[in-house]
Amino acid sequence: MPIRNARRFRVEQTEAETALWKRLRNGQLDGVKFRRQHPVSPYTVDFVAIAERLVIELDGGQHAAQQARDERRTDYLSQQGYRVIRFWNNEVLDNPDGIMLRIRAFLEAGKSG
């Protein structure tokens, strides 16, 4: 089921997911390999850099009402050894360069820790 969901989510990407993927794919960010809509059972994460243990989640307006669920998800991913960074969809669309700088800083912080 997680793989089926991941495939479906790849086809049904949001505008923000598409925009961010164009900047993350093919190692464009400092050679870091990201995967999109990747299962980390029991969840499917928006983007993950496996080697760096970094998950990037994009949240739309519906996530404001799902805060407790998102916190449980983040807790689970943290227990699996992932660092999680979240952005609102509008942040990605309105300030893509700033988002890339924040992701790069998060990656750099992970190297020193």
N, C-alpha and C. Protein backbone atom coordinates (compact mmCIF):
# COMPACT_ATOMS: atom_id res chain seq x y z
N MET A 1 0.82 -1.21 0.00
CA MET A 1 0.00 0.00 0.00
C MET A 1 0.85 1.27 0.00
N PRO A 2 1.94 1.37 0.83
CA PRO A 2 2.73 2.61 0.81
C PRO A 2 3.30 2.91 -0.58
N ILE A 3 3.74 1.90 -1.30
CA ILE A 3 4.31 2.15 -2.64
C ILE A 3 3.22 2.63 -3.59
N ARG A 4 2.03 2.04 -3.50
CA ARG A 4 0.92 2.46 -4.35
C ARG A 4 0.56 3.93 -4.07
N ASN A 5 0.53 4.29 -2.78
CA ASN A 5 0.25 5.69 -2.41
C ASN A 5 1.33 6.61 -2.95
N ALA A 6 2.59 6.22 -2.82
CA ALA A 6 3.70 7.06 -3.30
C ALA A 6 3.56 7.30 -4.79
N ARG A 7 3.26 6.27 -5.55
CA ARG A 7 3.09 6.43 -7.00
C ARG A 7 1.94 7.38 -7.31
N ARG A 8 0.84 7.22 -6.59
CA ARG A 8 -0.32 8.09 -6.82
C ARG A 8 0.03 9.54 -6.48
N PHE A 9 0.72 9.73 -5.36
CA PHE A 9 1.08 11.09 -4.95
C PHE A 9 2.04 11.75 -5.94
N ARG A 10 2.91 10.97 -6.58
CA ARG A 10 3.82 11.53 -7.58
C ARG A 10 3.04 12.09 -8.76
N VAL A 11 1.97 11.40 -9.13
CA VAL A 11 1.14 11.85 -10.25
C VAL A 11 0.30 13.06 -9.85
N GLU A 12 -0.13 13.10 -8.60
CA GLU A 12 -1.04 14.14 -8.11
C GLU A 12 -0.32 15.23 -7.33
N GLN A 13 0.90 15.56 -7.72
CA GLN A 13 1.67 16.58 -7.01
C GLN A 13 0.97 17.93 -6.99
N THR A 14 1.20 18.66 -5.92
CA THR A 14 0.71 20.03 -5.85
C THR A 14 1.64 20.93 -6.67
N GLU A 15 1.20 22.14 -6.91
CA GLU A 15 2.03 23.11 -7.63
C GLU A 15 3.34 23.37 -6.87
N ALA A 16 3.24 23.47 -5.56
CA ALA A 16 4.45 23.72 -4.75
C ALA A 16 5.40 22.54 -4.80
N GLU A 17 4.88 21.31 -4.74
CA GLU A 17 5.74 20.13 -4.84
C GLU A 17 6.45 20.08 -6.18
N THR A 18 5.74 20.40 -7.24
CA THR A 18 6.34 20.41 -8.57
C THR A 18 7.46 21.45 -8.64
N ALA A 19 7.20 22.64 -8.10
CA ALA A 19 8.19 23.71 -8.13
C ALA A 19 9.45 23.34 -7.34
N LEU A 20 9.27 22.75 -6.16
CA LEU A 20 10.43 22.39 -5.36
C LEU A 20 11.18 21.22 -6.00
N TRP A 21 10.47 20.26 -6.54
CA TRP A 21 11.12 19.11 -7.17
C TRP A 21 12.01 19.55 -8.33
N LYS A 22 11.59 20.55 -9.07
CA LYS A 22 12.42 21.06 -10.18
C LYS A 22 13.77 21.56 -9.68
N ARG A 23 13.83 21.99 -8.42
CA ARG A 23 15.07 22.52 -7.85
C ARG A 23 15.89 21.47 -7.09
N LEU A 24 15.23 20.38 -6.69
CA LEU A 24 15.92 19.35 -5.90
C LEU A 24 16.40 18.17 -6.74
N ARG A 25 15.72 17.90 -7.84
CA ARG A 25 16.00 16.68 -8.60
C ARG A 25 17.39 16.69 -9.23
N ASN A 26 17.86 15.52 -9.53
CA ASN A 26 19.15 15.33 -10.20
C ASN A 26 20.33 15.94 -9.45
N GLY A 27 20.26 15.97 -8.13
CA GLY A 27 21.39 16.46 -7.34
C GLY A 27 21.70 17.93 -7.52
N GLN A 28 20.70 18.71 -7.92
CA GLN A 28 20.94 20.14 -8.18
C GLN A 28 21.33 20.93 -6.94
N LEU A 29 20.96 20.44 -5.77
CA LEU A 29 21.31 21.14 -4.54
C LEU A 29 22.56 20.48 -3.96
N ASP A 30 23.70 20.99 -4.30
CA ASP A 30 24.99 20.54 -3.77
C ASP A 30 25.23 19.04 -3.95
N GLY A 31 24.65 18.47 -5.00
CA GLY A 31 24.85 17.06 -5.30
C GLY A 31 24.05 16.10 -4.42
N VAL A 32 23.17 16.64 -3.57
CA VAL A 32 22.38 15.79 -2.68
C VAL A 32 21.27 15.12 -3.47
N LYS A 33 21.13 13.81 -3.30
CA LYS A 33 20.12 13.05 -4.01
C LYS A 33 18.84 13.01 -3.18
N PHE A 34 17.79 13.59 -3.74
CA PHE A 34 16.48 13.57 -3.11
C PHE A 34 15.56 12.62 -3.87
N ARG A 35 14.63 12.04 -3.15
CA ARG A 35 13.55 11.26 -3.72
C ARG A 35 12.26 11.99 -3.38
N ARG A 36 11.27 11.85 -4.24
CA ARG A 36 9.99 12.50 -3.96
C ARG A 36 8.93 11.45 -3.71
N GLN A 37 7.97 11.80 -2.87
CA GLN A 37 6.87 10.92 -2.51
C GLN A 37 7.39 9.51 -2.24
N HIS A 38 8.23 9.44 -1.23
CA HIS A 38 8.93 8.19 -0.90
C HIS A 38 8.35 7.59 0.38
N PRO A 39 8.07 6.28 0.36
CA PRO A 39 7.55 5.66 1.58
C PRO A 39 8.60 5.54 2.68
N VAL A 40 8.25 6.02 3.85
CA VAL A 40 8.98 5.75 5.08
C VAL A 40 7.89 5.21 6.00
N SER A 41 7.69 3.92 5.89
CA SER A 41 6.53 3.25 6.46
C SER A 41 6.28 3.68 7.89
N PRO A 42 5.05 4.01 8.22
CA PRO A 42 3.81 3.88 7.47
C PRO A 42 3.43 5.12 6.67
N TYR A 43 4.33 6.06 6.53
CA TYR A 43 4.04 7.33 5.87
C TYR A 43 4.67 7.40 4.48
N THR A 44 4.17 8.33 3.68
CA THR A 44 4.81 8.70 2.44
C THR A 44 5.23 10.15 2.61
N VAL A 45 6.54 10.40 2.55
CA VAL A 45 7.05 11.76 2.76
C VAL A 45 7.15 12.48 1.42
N ASP A 46 7.05 13.80 1.45
CA ASP A 46 7.10 14.58 0.21
C ASP A 46 8.46 14.45 -0.46
N PHE A 47 9.53 14.71 0.29
CA PHE A 47 10.89 14.63 -0.24
C PHE A 47 11.80 14.06 0.84
N VAL A 48 12.77 13.25 0.43
CA VAL A 48 13.71 12.71 1.39
C VAL A 48 15.08 12.59 0.75
N ALA A 49 16.09 12.95 1.52
CA ALA A 49 17.49 12.69 1.16
C ALA A 49 17.92 11.59 2.12
N ILE A 50 17.95 10.37 1.61
CA ILE A 50 18.19 9.19 2.45
C ILE A 50 19.54 9.29 3.16
N ALA A 51 20.61 9.54 2.40
CA ALA A 51 21.95 9.55 2.98
C ALA A 51 22.09 10.63 4.06
N GLU A 52 21.41 11.75 3.89
CA GLU A 52 21.49 12.85 4.85
C GLU A 52 20.44 12.75 5.95
N ARG A 53 19.56 11.76 5.82
CA ARG A 53 18.48 11.54 6.80
C ARG A 53 17.64 12.81 6.98
N LEU A 54 17.28 13.43 5.86
CA LEU A 54 16.51 14.67 5.87
C LEU A 54 15.20 14.48 5.12
N VAL A 55 14.10 14.82 5.77
CA VAL A 55 12.78 14.81 5.17
C VAL A 55 12.30 16.24 5.02
N ILE A 56 11.76 16.56 3.85
CA ILE A 56 11.15 17.87 3.62
C ILE A 56 9.67 17.64 3.38
N GLU A 57 8.85 18.31 4.17
CA GLU A 57 7.41 18.20 4.04
C GLU A 57 6.84 19.56 3.64
N LEU A 58 5.92 19.55 2.70
CA LEU A 58 5.23 20.77 2.27
C LEU A 58 3.80 20.70 2.78
N ASP A 59 3.34 21.77 3.36
CA ASP A 59 2.02 21.81 3.96
C ASP A 59 1.15 22.85 3.27
N GLY A 60 -0.05 22.44 2.91
CA GLY A 60 -1.05 23.36 2.39
C GLY A 60 -1.97 23.79 3.51
N GLY A 61 -3.01 24.51 3.16
CA GLY A 61 -3.94 25.03 4.15
C GLY A 61 -4.58 23.96 5.02
N GLN A 62 -4.78 22.74 4.48
CA GLN A 62 -5.42 21.68 5.25
C GLN A 62 -4.59 21.26 6.45
N HIS A 63 -3.30 21.52 6.42
CA HIS A 63 -2.43 21.08 7.51
C HIS A 63 -2.62 21.92 8.78
N ALA A 64 -3.19 23.10 8.66
CA ALA A 64 -3.45 23.90 9.86
C ALA A 64 -4.40 23.15 10.79
N ALA A 65 -5.33 22.39 10.22
CA ALA A 65 -6.29 21.62 11.01
C ALA A 65 -5.75 20.25 11.42
N GLN A 66 -4.60 19.87 10.91
CA GLN A 66 -4.03 18.55 11.17
C GLN A 66 -2.75 18.62 11.98
N GLN A 67 -2.61 19.64 12.77
CA GLN A 67 -1.35 19.88 13.47
C GLN A 67 -0.94 18.71 14.36
N ALA A 68 -1.88 18.12 15.09
CA ALA A 68 -1.55 17.00 15.98
C ALA A 68 -1.07 15.80 15.16
N ARG A 69 -1.73 15.54 14.04
CA ARG A 69 -1.33 14.42 13.17
C ARG A 69 0.06 14.65 12.61
N ASP A 70 0.33 15.88 12.18
CA ASP A 70 1.66 16.21 11.65
C ASP A 70 2.74 16.06 12.72
N GLU A 71 2.42 16.43 13.96
CA GLU A 71 3.38 16.28 15.05
C GLU A 71 3.70 14.81 15.31
N ARG A 72 2.68 13.94 15.27
CA ARG A 72 2.91 12.49 15.43
C ARG A 72 3.79 11.96 14.30
N ARG A 73 3.53 12.42 13.10
CA ARG A 73 4.30 12.01 11.93
C ARG A 73 5.77 12.43 12.09
N THR A 74 5.98 13.68 12.48
CA THR A 74 7.33 14.19 12.69
C THR A 74 8.03 13.42 13.80
N ASP A 75 7.31 13.13 14.88
CA ASP A 75 7.89 12.35 15.98
C ASP A 75 8.33 10.97 15.49
N TYR A 76 7.49 10.31 14.70
CA TYR A 76 7.84 8.99 14.18
C TYR A 76 9.09 9.07 13.31
N LEU A 77 9.12 10.03 12.39
CA LEU A 77 10.26 10.18 11.48
C LEU A 77 11.53 10.48 12.27
N SER A 78 11.42 11.29 13.31
CA SER A 78 12.58 11.59 14.17
C SER A 78 13.08 10.33 14.86
N GLN A 79 12.15 9.51 15.32
CA GLN A 79 12.54 8.25 15.96
C GLN A 79 13.26 7.31 14.98
N GLN A 80 12.98 7.48 13.69
CA GLN A 80 13.64 6.66 12.66
C GLN A 80 14.98 7.27 12.24
N GLY A 81 15.36 8.39 12.87
CA GLY A 81 16.64 9.00 12.60
C GLY A 81 16.62 10.10 11.55
N TYR A 82 15.44 10.55 11.16
CA TYR A 82 15.32 11.62 10.16
C TYR A 82 15.16 12.97 10.85
N ARG A 83 15.74 13.98 10.24
CA ARG A 83 15.44 15.36 10.61
C ARG A 83 14.34 15.82 9.67
N VAL A 84 13.38 16.57 10.16
CA VAL A 84 12.23 16.98 9.35
C VAL A 84 12.19 18.50 9.30
N ILE A 85 12.04 19.01 8.09
CA ILE A 85 11.85 20.45 7.89
C ILE A 85 10.55 20.63 7.12
N ARG A 86 9.75 21.58 7.55
CA ARG A 86 8.43 21.82 6.93
C ARG A 86 8.36 23.23 6.37
N PHE A 87 7.69 23.31 5.25
CA PHE A 87 7.42 24.61 4.62
C PHE A 87 5.96 24.66 4.21
N TRP A 88 5.40 25.85 4.23
CA TRP A 88 4.06 26.05 3.67
C TRP A 88 4.19 26.12 2.15
N ASN A 89 3.18 25.64 1.46
CA ASN A 89 3.18 25.69 0.00
C ASN A 89 3.43 27.10 -0.52
N ASN A 90 2.77 28.09 0.08
CA ASN A 90 2.93 29.45 -0.41
C ASN A 90 4.36 29.96 -0.23
N GLU A 91 5.08 29.49 0.79
CA GLU A 91 6.49 29.87 0.97
C GLU A 91 7.31 29.39 -0.22
N VAL A 92 7.06 28.15 -0.64
CA VAL A 92 7.81 27.57 -1.75
C VAL A 92 7.54 28.35 -3.04
N LEU A 93 6.29 28.72 -3.25
CA LEU A 93 5.92 29.42 -4.48
C LEU A 93 6.34 30.89 -4.46
N ASP A 94 6.29 31.53 -3.29
CA ASP A 94 6.59 32.96 -3.20
C ASP A 94 8.08 33.27 -3.03
N ASN A 95 8.84 32.33 -2.45
CA ASN A 95 10.24 32.60 -2.15
C ASN A 95 11.10 31.34 -2.37
N PRO A 96 11.14 30.83 -3.58
CA PRO A 96 11.88 29.58 -3.82
C PRO A 96 13.37 29.68 -3.50
N ASP A 97 13.98 30.83 -3.77
CA ASP A 97 15.41 30.97 -3.46
C ASP A 97 15.66 30.93 -1.96
N GLY A 98 14.79 31.57 -1.20
CA GLY A 98 14.90 31.55 0.25
C GLY A 98 14.71 30.15 0.81
N ILE A 99 13.79 29.39 0.24
CA ILE A 99 13.57 28.00 0.67
C ILE A 99 14.82 27.17 0.41
N MET A 100 15.43 27.36 -0.74
CA MET A 100 16.64 26.59 -1.06
C MET A 100 17.78 26.94 -0.08
N LEU A 101 17.89 28.20 0.28
CA LEU A 101 18.90 28.60 1.27
C LEU A 101 18.64 27.93 2.62
N ARG A 102 17.39 27.87 3.01
CA ARG A 102 17.05 27.24 4.29
C ARG A 102 17.33 25.74 4.26
N ILE A 103 17.03 25.08 3.14
CA ILE A 103 17.32 23.65 3.03
C ILE A 103 18.83 23.43 3.08
N ARG A 104 19.57 24.24 2.35
CA ARG A 104 21.04 24.13 2.35
C ARG A 104 21.59 24.31 3.78
N ALA A 105 21.07 25.29 4.51
CA ALA A 105 21.52 25.51 5.89
C ALA A 105 21.19 24.31 6.76
N PHE A 106 20.03 23.72 6.55
CA PHE A 106 19.63 22.54 7.32
C PHE A 106 20.57 21.37 7.01
N LEU A 107 20.93 21.20 5.74
CA LEU A 107 21.87 20.15 5.36
C LEU A 107 23.24 20.39 6.00
N GLU A 108 23.70 21.62 5.97
CA GLU A 108 25.00 21.96 6.56
C GLU A 108 25.01 21.71 8.07
N ALA A 109 23.91 22.07 8.73
CA ALA A 109 23.81 21.86 10.17
C ALA A 109 23.87 20.37 10.50
N GLY A 110 23.33 19.54 9.64
CA GLY A 110 23.35 18.11 9.86
C GLY A 110 24.73 17.51 9.74
N LYS A 111 25.59 18.13 8.94
CA LYS A 111 26.97 17.65 8.78
C LYS A 111 27.80 17.85 10.03
N SER A 112 27.49 18.92 10.75
CA SER A 112 28.29 19.23 11.94
C SER A 112 27.75 18.56 13.20
N GLY A 113 26.54 17.96 13.08
CA GLY A 113 25.94 17.39 14.28
C GLY A 113 26.02 15.96 14.30
